[in-house]
Amino acid sequence: MTTATTTMPRELPRHVNLTTGLRNTLTLTWRNLVQIKHNPMELVDLSIQPIMFVLLFAFVFGPAMAGSVKDYLPILIPGIIVQNALFASMTTGVGLNNDVTKGVFDRFRSLPIARSAPLAGRIIADTVKQAWSMFIVMVVGLIIGFRIETNWFNLIPAFGLLLAFALLFSWVSVFVGLAVNEPEKVQIFGFTIIFPITFLSNAFIPVSDKYPSWIRTIMEHNPVSLLGDAIRGLLVGHKVTDPSAAQPVLAPAIQALLWGVGIAIVFIPLSMRAFKKNG
């Protein structure tokens, strides 16, 4: 005689310790980075688009705005780097939306891993991709004539500042990616919001008295302008409108980070609520 036995399903732990959670996060970070091999167009977007923007703005608008491409690059390259960092943050929302709509998050929830690991892994992986995109802009800028007039070691705090702000700003993309039902809507949001933010700044042209006072106020206090000023101070060292005057770094950097912290304070709770709702 044989006795039929049944195997009770193993109950998955509801909580994991910090070490396991970090290991889960790093594993999913690597998973998101390895996906580039299967979806090379993602890396093409992060590489080709920055190159296109740099070349178009430098050679089409440079002579008209600054008299020559060389004179325009100290304005353009820091501004393009900031703009590109914000656009690259939208990939976080697109990736999260794809994972949610295709049921990938449902499969993750069936595993004995930290509940936050899929979200944290996506954000960290996309921060690495943003660093790659910034590197591409800098290399292209150096090739066409941009020069670091201060110290090459200043690239480290410049990139650190940009990545810190991009990480804080990416929570906007996280919320949008979890709140909408199609990846295309995340991209529409990116173009609708980020384009006005970057063009109403000093990313591509210095703030001038020729603008109406309300536009000038927006341009001066825009986080993109603050980041652009901090990056120019670190890499160029002087104001683009007055080469004899030093460009402040600490004040605009702190103000930009305060903007980022404020954005994160608003959108982290909204993102976590949307995350739980999708669960």
C-alpha atoms as a PDB file:
ATOM      1  CA  MET A   1       0.000   0.000   0.000  1.00  0.00           C
ATOM      2  CA  THR A   2       1.112   3.508  -0.634  1.00  0.00           C
ATOM      3  CA  THR A   3       0.063   6.551   1.245  1.00  0.00           C
ATOM      4  CA  ALA A   4      -0.627   9.704  -0.700  1.00  0.00           C
ATOM      5  CA  THR A   5       1.210  12.679   0.656  1.00  0.00           C
ATOM      6  CA  THR A   6       0.678  16.300  -0.047  1.00  0.00           C
ATOM      7  CA  THR A   7       3.343  18.941   0.069  1.00  0.00           C
ATOM      8  CA  MET A   8       2.291  22.048   1.852  1.00  0.00           C
ATOM      9  CA  PRO A   9       3.302  25.200   0.033  1.00  0.00           C
ATOM     10  CA  ARG A  10       6.185  26.984   1.710  1.00  0.00           C
ATOM     11  CA  GLU A  11       5.118  30.224   3.288  1.00  0.00           C
ATOM     12  CA  LEU A  12       7.300  33.040   2.040  1.00  0.00           C
ATOM     13  CA  PRO A  13       8.706  35.384   4.640  1.00  0.00           C
ATOM     14  CA  ARG A  14       6.982  38.751   4.773  1.00  0.00           C
ATOM     15  CA  HIS A  15      10.152  40.560   5.886  1.00  0.00           C
ATOM     16  CA  VAL A  16      13.855  40.088   5.230  1.00  0.00           C
ATOM     17  CA  ASN A  17      16.845  41.435   7.094  1.00  0.00           C
ATOM     18  CA  LEU A  18      18.879  44.410   5.881  1.00  0.00           C
ATOM     19  CA  THR A  19      21.724  42.328   4.429  1.00  0.00           C
ATOM     20  CA  THR A  20      19.353  40.162   2.418  1.00  0.00           C
ATOM     21  CA  GLY A  21      17.456  43.232   1.248  1.00  0.00           C
ATOM     22  CA  LEU A  22      20.667  44.864   0.005  1.00  0.00           C
ATOM     23  CA  ARG A  23      21.669  41.649  -1.766  1.00  0.00           C
ATOM     24  CA  ASN A  24      18.244  41.457  -3.416  1.00  0.00           C
ATOM     25  CA  THR A  25      18.542  45.084  -4.515  1.00  0.00           C
ATOM     26  CA  LEU A  26      22.001  44.584  -6.022  1.00  0.00           C
ATOM     27  CA  THR A  27      20.825  41.453  -7.827  1.00  0.00           C
ATOM     28  CA  LEU A  28      17.913  43.278  -9.418  1.00  0.00           C
ATOM     29  CA  THR A  29      20.168  46.234 -10.205  1.00  0.00           C
ATOM     30  CA  TRP A  30      22.411  43.874 -12.140  1.00  0.00           C
ATOM     31  CA  ARG A  31      19.361  42.342 -13.810  1.00  0.00           C
ATOM     32  CA  ASN A  32      18.283  45.774 -15.066  1.00  0.00           C
ATOM     33  CA  LEU A  33      21.778  46.541 -16.350  1.00  0.00           C
ATOM     34  CA  VAL A  34      22.144  43.188 -18.104  1.00  0.00           C
ATOM     35  CA  GLN A  35      18.858  43.830 -19.910  1.00  0.00           C
ATOM     36  CA  ILE A  36      20.723  46.354 -22.071  1.00  0.00           C
ATOM     37  CA  LYS A  37      22.296  43.391 -23.843  1.00  0.00           C
ATOM     38  CA  HIS A  38      18.853  42.212 -24.906  1.00  0.00           C
ATOM     39  CA  ASN A  39      17.549  45.718 -25.577  1.00  0.00           C
ATOM     40  CA  PRO A  40      20.489  47.658 -27.073  1.00  0.00           C
ATOM     41  CA  MET A  41      18.186  50.437 -28.267  1.00  0.00           C
ATOM     42  CA  GLU A  42      18.001  51.648 -24.672  1.00  0.00           C
ATOM     43  CA  LEU A  43      21.743  52.296 -24.631  1.00  0.00           C
ATOM     44  CA  VAL A  44      21.503  53.851 -28.099  1.00  0.00           C
ATOM     45  CA  ASP A  45      18.926  56.335 -26.769  1.00  0.00           C
ATOM     46  CA  LEU A  46      21.205  57.228 -23.857  1.00  0.00           C
ATOM     47  CA  SER A  47      24.173  57.664 -26.206  1.00  0.00           C
ATOM     48  CA  ILE A  48      22.881  59.018 -29.520  1.00  0.00           C
ATOM     49  CA  GLN A  49      20.418  61.585 -28.187  1.00  0.00           C
ATOM     50  CA  PRO A  50      23.043  63.452 -26.096  1.00  0.00           C
ATOM     51  CA  ILE A  51      25.456  63.505 -29.043  1.00  0.00           C
ATOM     52  CA  MET A  52      22.717  64.834 -31.318  1.00  0.00           C
ATOM     53  CA  PHE A  53      21.786  67.609 -28.892  1.00  0.00           C
ATOM     54  CA  VAL A  54      25.398  68.687 -28.377  1.00  0.00           C
ATOM     55  CA  LEU A  55      26.216  68.838 -32.089  1.00  0.00           C
ATOM     56  CA  LEU A  56      22.980  70.560 -33.111  1.00  0.00           C
ATOM     57  CA  PHE A  57      23.087  73.228 -30.430  1.00  0.00           C
ATOM     58  CA  ALA A  58      26.826  73.828 -30.759  1.00  0.00           C
ATOM     59  CA  PHE A  59      27.070  74.168 -34.530  1.00  0.00           C
ATOM     60  CA  VAL A  60      23.597  75.576 -35.311  1.00  0.00           C
ATOM     61  CA  PHE A  61      23.025  77.968 -32.395  1.00  0.00           C
ATOM     62  CA  GLY A  62      26.599  78.557 -31.203  1.00  0.00           C
ATOM     63  CA  PRO A  63      27.725  81.064 -33.863  1.00  0.00           C
ATOM     64  CA  ALA A  64      24.488  83.052 -33.531  1.00  0.00           C
ATOM     65  CA  MET A  65      24.424  83.137 -29.709  1.00  0.00           C
ATOM     66  CA  ALA A  66      28.098  83.503 -28.811  1.00  0.00           C
ATOM     67  CA  GLY A  67      29.873  84.348 -32.061  1.00  0.00           C
ATOM     68  CA  SER A  68      31.607  80.982 -32.358  1.00  0.00           C
ATOM     69  CA  VAL A  69      31.228  77.368 -31.337  1.00  0.00           C
ATOM     70  CA  LYS A  70      34.215  77.589 -28.993  1.00  0.00           C
ATOM     71  CA  ASP A  71      32.794  80.577 -27.098  1.00  0.00           C
ATOM     72  CA  TYR A  72      29.394  78.882 -26.793  1.00  0.00           C
ATOM     73  CA  LEU A  73      30.642  75.588 -25.360  1.00  0.00           C
ATOM     74  CA  PRO A  74      31.209  76.876 -21.762  1.00  0.00           C
ATOM     75  CA  ILE A  75      27.505  77.761 -21.728  1.00  0.00           C
ATOM     76  CA  LEU A  76      26.244  74.732 -23.625  1.00  0.00           C
ATOM     77  CA  ILE A  77      28.064  71.698 -22.227  1.00  0.00           C
ATOM     78  CA  PRO A  78      27.090  72.162 -18.543  1.00  0.00           C
ATOM     79  CA  GLY A  79      23.525  72.967 -19.626  1.00  0.00           C
ATOM     80  CA  ILE A  80      23.280  69.937 -21.907  1.00  0.00           C
ATOM     81  CA  ILE A  81      24.641  67.689 -19.162  1.00  0.00           C
ATOM     82  CA  VAL A  82      21.929  68.895 -16.766  1.00  0.00           C
ATOM     83  CA  GLN A  83      19.175  68.601 -19.382  1.00  0.00           C
ATOM     84  CA  ASN A  84      20.332  65.139 -20.346  1.00  0.00           C
ATOM     85  CA  ALA A  85      20.384  63.996 -16.707  1.00  0.00           C
ATOM     86  CA  LEU A  86      16.734  65.006 -16.319  1.00  0.00           C
ATOM     87  CA  PHE A  87      15.709  63.293 -19.549  1.00  0.00           C
ATOM     88  CA  ALA A  88      17.627  60.158 -18.574  1.00  0.00           C
ATOM     89  CA  SER A  89      15.683  60.026 -15.300  1.00  0.00           C
ATOM     90  CA  MET A  90      12.524  59.369 -17.334  1.00  0.00           C
ATOM     91  CA  THR A  91      13.900  55.936 -18.266  1.00  0.00           C
ATOM     92  CA  THR A  92      13.201  54.926 -14.652  1.00  0.00           C
ATOM     93  CA  GLY A  93       9.491  55.560 -15.098  1.00  0.00           C
ATOM     94  CA  VAL A  94       9.379  53.832 -18.478  1.00  0.00           C
ATOM     95  CA  GLY A  95      11.177  50.759 -17.114  1.00  0.00           C
ATOM     96  CA  LEU A  96       8.972  50.536 -14.030  1.00  0.00           C
ATOM     97  CA  ASN A  97       5.845  50.899 -16.110  1.00  0.00           C
ATOM     98  CA  ASN A  98       6.977  48.089 -18.416  1.00  0.00           C
ATOM     99  CA  ASP A  99       7.665  45.826 -15.430  1.00  0.00           C
ATOM    100  CA  VAL A 100       4.267  46.557 -13.886  1.00  0.00           C
ATOM    101  CA  THR A 101       2.166  46.269 -17.047  1.00  0.00           C
ATOM    102  CA  LYS A 102       3.916  43.075 -18.184  1.00  0.00           C
ATOM    103  CA  GLY A 103       3.460  41.352 -14.827  1.00  0.00           C
ATOM    104  CA  VAL A 104       7.155  41.283 -13.890  1.00  0.00           C
ATOM    105  CA  PHE A 105       6.427  42.881 -10.510  1.00  0.00           C
ATOM    106  CA  ASP A 106       3.817  40.213  -9.797  1.00  0.00           C
ATOM    107  CA  ARG A 107       6.463  37.535 -10.313  1.00  0.00           C
ATOM    108  CA  PHE A 108       8.871  39.412  -8.041  1.00  0.00           C
ATOM    109  CA  ARG A 109       6.241  39.506  -5.295  1.00  0.00           C
ATOM    110  CA  SER A 110       5.998  35.720  -5.400  1.00  0.00           C
ATOM    111  CA  LEU A 111       9.691  35.460  -4.478  1.00  0.00           C
ATOM    112  CA  PRO A 112      11.140  35.598  -0.934  1.00  0.00           C
ATOM    113  CA  ILE A 113      12.840  38.946  -1.538  1.00  0.00           C
ATOM    114  CA  ALA A 114      12.546  42.417  -0.063  1.00  0.00           C
ATOM    115  CA  ARG A 115       9.426  44.153  -1.312  1.00  0.00           C
ATOM    116  CA  SER A 116      11.413  47.316  -2.035  1.00  0.00           C
ATOM    117  CA  ALA A 117      14.154  45.524  -4.012  1.00  0.00           C
ATOM    118  CA  PRO A 118      12.501  45.754  -7.474  1.00  0.00           C
ATOM    119  CA  LEU A 119      11.927  49.475  -7.059  1.00  0.00           C
ATOM    120  CA  ALA A 120      15.361  50.233  -5.578  1.00  0.00           C
ATOM    121  CA  GLY A 121      17.111  48.030  -8.131  1.00  0.00           C
ATOM    122  CA  ARG A 122      15.491  49.902 -11.003  1.00  0.00           C
ATOM    123  CA  ILE A 123      16.424  53.324  -9.570  1.00  0.00           C
ATOM    124  CA  ILE A 124      20.072  52.382  -8.913  1.00  0.00           C
ATOM    125  CA  ALA A 125      20.490  50.788 -12.346  1.00  0.00           C
ATOM    126  CA  ASP A 126      19.086  53.853 -14.062  1.00  0.00           C
ATOM    127  CA  THR A 127      21.422  56.083 -12.048  1.00  0.00           C
ATOM    128  CA  VAL A 128      24.317  54.107 -13.526  1.00  0.00           C
ATOM    129  CA  LYS A 129      22.858  54.651 -16.993  1.00  0.00           C
ATOM    130  CA  GLN A 130      22.587  58.375 -16.295  1.00  0.00           C
ATOM    131  CA  ALA A 131      26.276  58.452 -15.374  1.00  0.00           C
ATOM    132  CA  TRP A 132      27.061  56.848 -18.735  1.00  0.00           C
ATOM    133  CA  SER A 133      24.971  59.445 -20.555  1.00  0.00           C
ATOM    134  CA  MET A 134      26.731  62.306 -18.737  1.00  0.00           C
ATOM    135  CA  PHE A 135      30.088  60.783 -19.648  1.00  0.00           C
ATOM    136  CA  ILE A 136      29.089  60.701 -23.323  1.00  0.00           C
ATOM    137  CA  VAL A 137      28.151  64.406 -23.287  1.00  0.00           C
ATOM    138  CA  MET A 138      31.451  65.345 -21.665  1.00  0.00           C
ATOM    139  CA  VAL A 139      33.512  63.315 -24.140  1.00  0.00           C
ATOM    140  CA  VAL A 140      31.727  64.816 -27.142  1.00  0.00           C
ATOM    141  CA  GLY A 141      32.141  68.297 -25.672  1.00  0.00           C
ATOM    142  CA  LEU A 142      35.881  67.767 -25.222  1.00  0.00           C
ATOM    143  CA  ILE A 143      36.192  66.487 -28.778  1.00  0.00           C
ATOM    144  CA  ILE A 144      34.562  69.573 -30.303  1.00  0.00           C
ATOM    145  CA  GLY A 145      36.477  72.071 -28.171  1.00  0.00           C
ATOM    146  CA  PHE A 146      35.133  72.334 -24.621  1.00  0.00           C
ATOM    147  CA  ARG A 147      37.927  72.714 -22.081  1.00  0.00           C
ATOM    148  CA  ILE A 148      37.977  72.271 -18.306  1.00  0.00           C
ATOM    149  CA  GLU A 149      39.553  75.511 -17.111  1.00  0.00           C
ATOM    150  CA  THR A 150      39.722  74.691 -13.409  1.00  0.00           C
ATOM    151  CA  ASN A 151      40.832  71.198 -12.432  1.00  0.00           C
ATOM    152  CA  TRP A 152      40.105  67.766 -13.880  1.00  0.00           C
ATOM    153  CA  PHE A 153      39.410  66.479 -10.386  1.00  0.00           C
ATOM    154  CA  ASN A 154      36.391  68.819 -10.319  1.00  0.00           C
ATOM    155  CA  LEU A 155      34.655  66.349 -12.602  1.00  0.00           C
ATOM    156  CA  ILE A 156      34.079  64.146  -9.540  1.00  0.00           C
ATOM    157  CA  PRO A 157      31.997  66.642  -7.496  1.00  0.00           C
ATOM    158  CA  ALA A 158      30.312  67.867 -10.695  1.00  0.00           C
ATOM    159  CA  PHE A 159      29.120  64.387 -11.614  1.00  0.00           C
ATOM    160  CA  GLY A 160      28.316  63.638  -7.968  1.00  0.00           C
ATOM    161  CA  LEU A 161      26.101  66.731  -7.740  1.00  0.00           C
ATOM    162  CA  LEU A 162      24.287  65.844 -10.955  1.00  0.00           C
ATOM    163  CA  LEU A 163      23.732  62.228  -9.954  1.00  0.00           C
ATOM    164  CA  ALA A 164      22.477  63.262  -6.510  1.00  0.00           C
ATOM    165  CA  PHE A 165      19.940  65.653  -8.024  1.00  0.00           C
ATOM    166  CA  ALA A 166      18.967  63.133 -10.717  1.00  0.00           C
ATOM    167  CA  LEU A 167      18.414  60.495  -8.036  1.00  0.00           C
ATOM    168  CA  LEU A 168      16.119  62.842  -6.109  1.00  0.00           C
ATOM    169  CA  PHE A 169      14.324  64.019  -9.255  1.00  0.00           C
ATOM    170  CA  SER A 170      13.850  60.429 -10.464  1.00  0.00           C
ATOM    171  CA  TRP A 171      11.084  60.000  -7.861  1.00  0.00           C
ATOM    172  CA  VAL A 172       8.918  62.121 -10.133  1.00  0.00           C
ATOM    173  CA  SER A 173       9.504  59.566 -12.876  1.00  0.00           C
ATOM    174  CA  VAL A 174       8.884  56.701 -10.437  1.00  0.00           C
ATOM    175  CA  PHE A 175       5.498  58.126  -9.490  1.00  0.00           C
ATOM    176  CA  VAL A 176       4.475  58.718 -13.102  1.00  0.00           C
ATOM    177  CA  GLY A 177       5.660  55.242 -14.138  1.00  0.00           C
ATOM    178  CA  LEU A 178       3.601  53.602 -11.403  1.00  0.00           C
ATOM    179  CA  ALA A 179       0.552  55.845 -11.848  1.00  0.00           C
ATOM    180  CA  VAL A 180      -0.053  55.554 -15.611  1.00  0.00           C
ATOM    181  CA  ASN A 181      -0.900  52.437 -17.600  1.00  0.00           C
ATOM    182  CA  GLU A 182       1.289  52.855 -20.684  1.00  0.00           C
ATOM    183  CA  PRO A 183       5.019  53.582 -21.138  1.00  0.00           C
ATOM    184  CA  GLU A 184       4.199  56.139 -23.838  1.00  0.00           C
ATOM    185  CA  LYS A 185       2.436  58.287 -21.245  1.00  0.00           C
ATOM    186  CA  VAL A 186       5.631  58.443 -19.199  1.00  0.00           C
ATOM    187  CA  GLN A 187       7.510  59.707 -22.251  1.00  0.00           C
ATOM    188  CA  ILE A 188       4.795  62.279 -22.968  1.00  0.00           C
ATOM    189  CA  PHE A 189       5.156  63.541 -19.412  1.00  0.00           C
ATOM    190  CA  GLY A 190       8.908  63.815 -19.854  1.00  0.00           C
ATOM    191  CA  PHE A 191       8.677  65.951 -22.956  1.00  0.00           C
ATOM    192  CA  THR A 192       5.803  68.047 -21.567  1.00  0.00           C
ATOM    193  CA  ILE A 193       7.509  68.905 -18.272  1.00  0.00           C
ATOM    194  CA  ILE A 194      11.259  68.679 -18.807  1.00  0.00           C
ATOM    195  CA  PHE A 195      11.466  70.657 -22.050  1.00  0.00           C
ATOM    196  CA  PRO A 196       9.890  73.806 -20.520  1.00  0.00           C
ATOM    197  CA  ILE A 197      12.004  73.445 -17.354  1.00  0.00           C
ATOM    198  CA  THR A 198      15.260  73.259 -19.312  1.00  0.00           C
ATOM    199  CA  PHE A 199      14.454  75.979 -21.823  1.00  0.00           C
ATOM    200  CA  LEU A 200      13.241  78.365 -19.099  1.00  0.00           C
ATOM    201  CA  SER A 201      16.740  78.288 -17.637  1.00  0.00           C
ATOM    202  CA  ASN A 202      20.278  79.410 -18.395  1.00  0.00           C
ATOM    203  CA  ALA A 203      21.158  75.989 -19.786  1.00  0.00           C
ATOM    204  CA  PHE A 204      21.505  77.316 -23.331  1.00  0.00           C
ATOM    205  CA  ILE A 205      21.620  81.098 -23.016  1.00  0.00           C
ATOM    206  CA  PRO A 206      22.584  83.464 -20.171  1.00  0.00           C
ATOM    207  CA  VAL A 207      19.862  85.254 -18.240  1.00  0.00           C
ATOM    208  CA  SER A 208      19.444  88.744 -19.704  1.00  0.00           C
ATOM    209  CA  ASP A 209      17.577  91.943 -18.867  1.00  0.00           C
ATOM    210  CA  LYS A 210      15.947  91.636 -22.274  1.00  0.00           C
ATOM    211  CA  TYR A 211      13.550  89.026 -20.861  1.00  0.00           C
ATOM    212  CA  PRO A 212      10.338  90.031 -19.062  1.00  0.00           C
ATOM    213  CA  SER A 213      10.847  90.168 -15.315  1.00  0.00           C
ATOM    214  CA  TRP A 214       8.658  87.111 -14.611  1.00  0.00           C
ATOM    215  CA  ILE A 215      10.582  84.972 -17.099  1.00  0.00           C
ATOM    216  CA  ARG A 216      13.885  86.223 -15.700  1.00  0.00           C
ATOM    217  CA  THR A 217      12.759  85.283 -12.183  1.00  0.00           C
ATOM    218  CA  ILE A 218      11.897  81.756 -13.300  1.00  0.00           C
ATOM    219  CA  MET A 219      15.220  81.402 -15.115  1.00  0.00           C
ATOM    220  CA  GLU A 220      17.240  82.607 -12.129  1.00  0.00           C
ATOM    221  CA  HIS A 221      15.571  80.307  -9.588  1.00  0.00           C
ATOM    222  CA  ASN A 222      15.072  77.295 -11.840  1.00  0.00           C
ATOM    223  CA  PRO A 223      16.893  74.200 -10.458  1.00  0.00           C
ATOM    224  CA  VAL A 224      18.294  73.601 -13.948  1.00  0.00           C
ATOM    225  CA  SER A 225      19.861  77.084 -13.874  1.00  0.00           C
ATOM    226  CA  LEU A 226      21.232  76.470 -10.380  1.00  0.00           C
ATOM    227  CA  LEU A 227      22.765  73.162 -11.435  1.00  0.00           C
ATOM    228  CA  GLY A 228      24.161  74.732 -14.594  1.00  0.00           C
ATOM    229  CA  ASP A 229      25.802  77.529 -12.577  1.00  0.00           C
ATOM    230  CA  ALA A 230      27.318  75.055 -10.115  1.00  0.00           C
ATOM    231  CA  ILE A 231      28.696  72.852 -12.901  1.00  0.00           C
ATOM    232  CA  ARG A 232      30.110  75.871 -14.755  1.00  0.00           C
ATOM    233  CA  GLY A 233      31.764  77.044 -11.567  1.00  0.00           C
ATOM    234  CA  LEU A 234      33.365  73.636 -11.053  1.00  0.00           C
ATOM    235  CA  LEU A 235      34.508  73.115 -14.636  1.00  0.00           C
ATOM    236  CA  VAL A 236      34.928  76.608 -16.118  1.00  0.00           C
ATOM    237  CA  GLY A 237      35.460  78.695 -12.997  1.00  0.00           C
ATOM    238  CA  HIS A 238      34.091  82.001 -14.246  1.00  0.00           C
ATOM    239  CA  LYS A 239      30.800  83.527 -15.272  1.00  0.00           C
ATOM    240  CA  VAL A 240      30.085  83.114 -18.963  1.00  0.00           C
ATOM    241  CA  THR A 241      28.796  86.706 -19.125  1.00  0.00           C
ATOM    242  CA  ASP A 242      31.867  88.104 -17.344  1.00  0.00           C
ATOM    243  CA  PRO A 243      35.076  86.028 -17.600  1.00  0.00           C
ATOM    244  CA  SER A 244      36.755  88.288 -15.039  1.00  0.00           C
ATOM    245  CA  ALA A 245      34.234  87.295 -12.331  1.00  0.00           C
ATOM    246  CA  ALA A 246      34.321  83.961 -10.522  1.00  0.00           C
ATOM    247  CA  GLN A 247      31.267  81.744 -10.810  1.00  0.00           C
ATOM    248  CA  PRO A 248      29.949  80.737  -7.342  1.00  0.00           C
ATOM    249  CA  VAL A 249      29.582  76.993  -6.773  1.00  0.00           C
ATOM    250  CA  LEU A 250      28.483  76.266  -3.220  1.00  0.00           C
ATOM    251  CA  ALA A 251      25.377  78.486  -3.098  1.00  0.00           C
ATOM    252  CA  PRO A 252      23.769  77.267  -6.364  1.00  0.00           C
ATOM    253  CA  ALA A 253      24.729  73.656  -5.561  1.00  0.00           C
ATOM    254  CA  ILE A 254      23.018  73.818  -2.152  1.00  0.00           C
ATOM    255  CA  GLN A 255      19.940  75.516  -3.613  1.00  0.00           C
ATOM    256  CA  ALA A 256      19.702  72.896  -6.373  1.00  0.00           C
ATOM    257  CA  LEU A 257      19.950  70.063  -3.831  1.00  0.00           C
ATOM    258  CA  LEU A 258      17.267  71.738  -1.701  1.00  0.00           C
ATOM    259  CA  TRP A 259      15.059  71.747  -4.799  1.00  0.00           C
ATOM    260  CA  GLY A 260      15.801  68.043  -5.223  1.00  0.00           C
ATOM    261  CA  VAL A 261      15.051  67.260  -1.574  1.00  0.00           C
ATOM    262  CA  GLY A 262      11.768  69.162  -1.810  1.00  0.00           C
ATOM    263  CA  ILE A 263      10.794  67.227  -4.937  1.00  0.00           C
ATOM    264  CA  ALA A 264      11.680  63.938  -3.256  1.00  0.00           C
ATOM    265  CA  ILE A 265       9.709  64.823  -0.108  1.00  0.00           C
ATOM    266  CA  VAL A 266       6.617  65.336  -2.244  1.00  0.00           C
ATOM    267  CA  PHE A 267       6.982  62.416  -4.636  1.00  0.00           C
ATOM    268  CA  ILE A 268       8.421  59.624  -2.460  1.00  0.00           C
ATOM    269  CA  PRO A 269       5.181  59.216  -0.457  1.00  0.00           C
ATOM    270  CA  LEU A 270       3.135  59.453  -3.668  1.00  0.00           C
ATOM    271  CA  SER A 271       5.380  56.839  -5.297  1.00  0.00           C
ATOM    272  CA  MET A 272       5.181  54.449  -2.344  1.00  0.00           C
ATOM    273  CA  ARG A 273       1.395  54.781  -2.298  1.00  0.00           C
ATOM    274  CA  ALA A 274       1.256  53.993  -6.008  1.00  0.00           C
ATOM    275  CA  PHE A 275       3.712  51.117  -5.451  1.00  0.00           C
ATOM    276  CA  LYS A 276       1.504  49.571  -2.770  1.00  0.00           C
ATOM    277  CA  LYS A 277      -1.576  50.112  -4.900  1.00  0.00           C
ATOM    278  CA  ASN A 278       0.044  48.117  -7.726  1.00  0.00           C
ATOM    279  CA  GLY A 279       0.790  45.390  -5.190  1.00  0.00           C
END
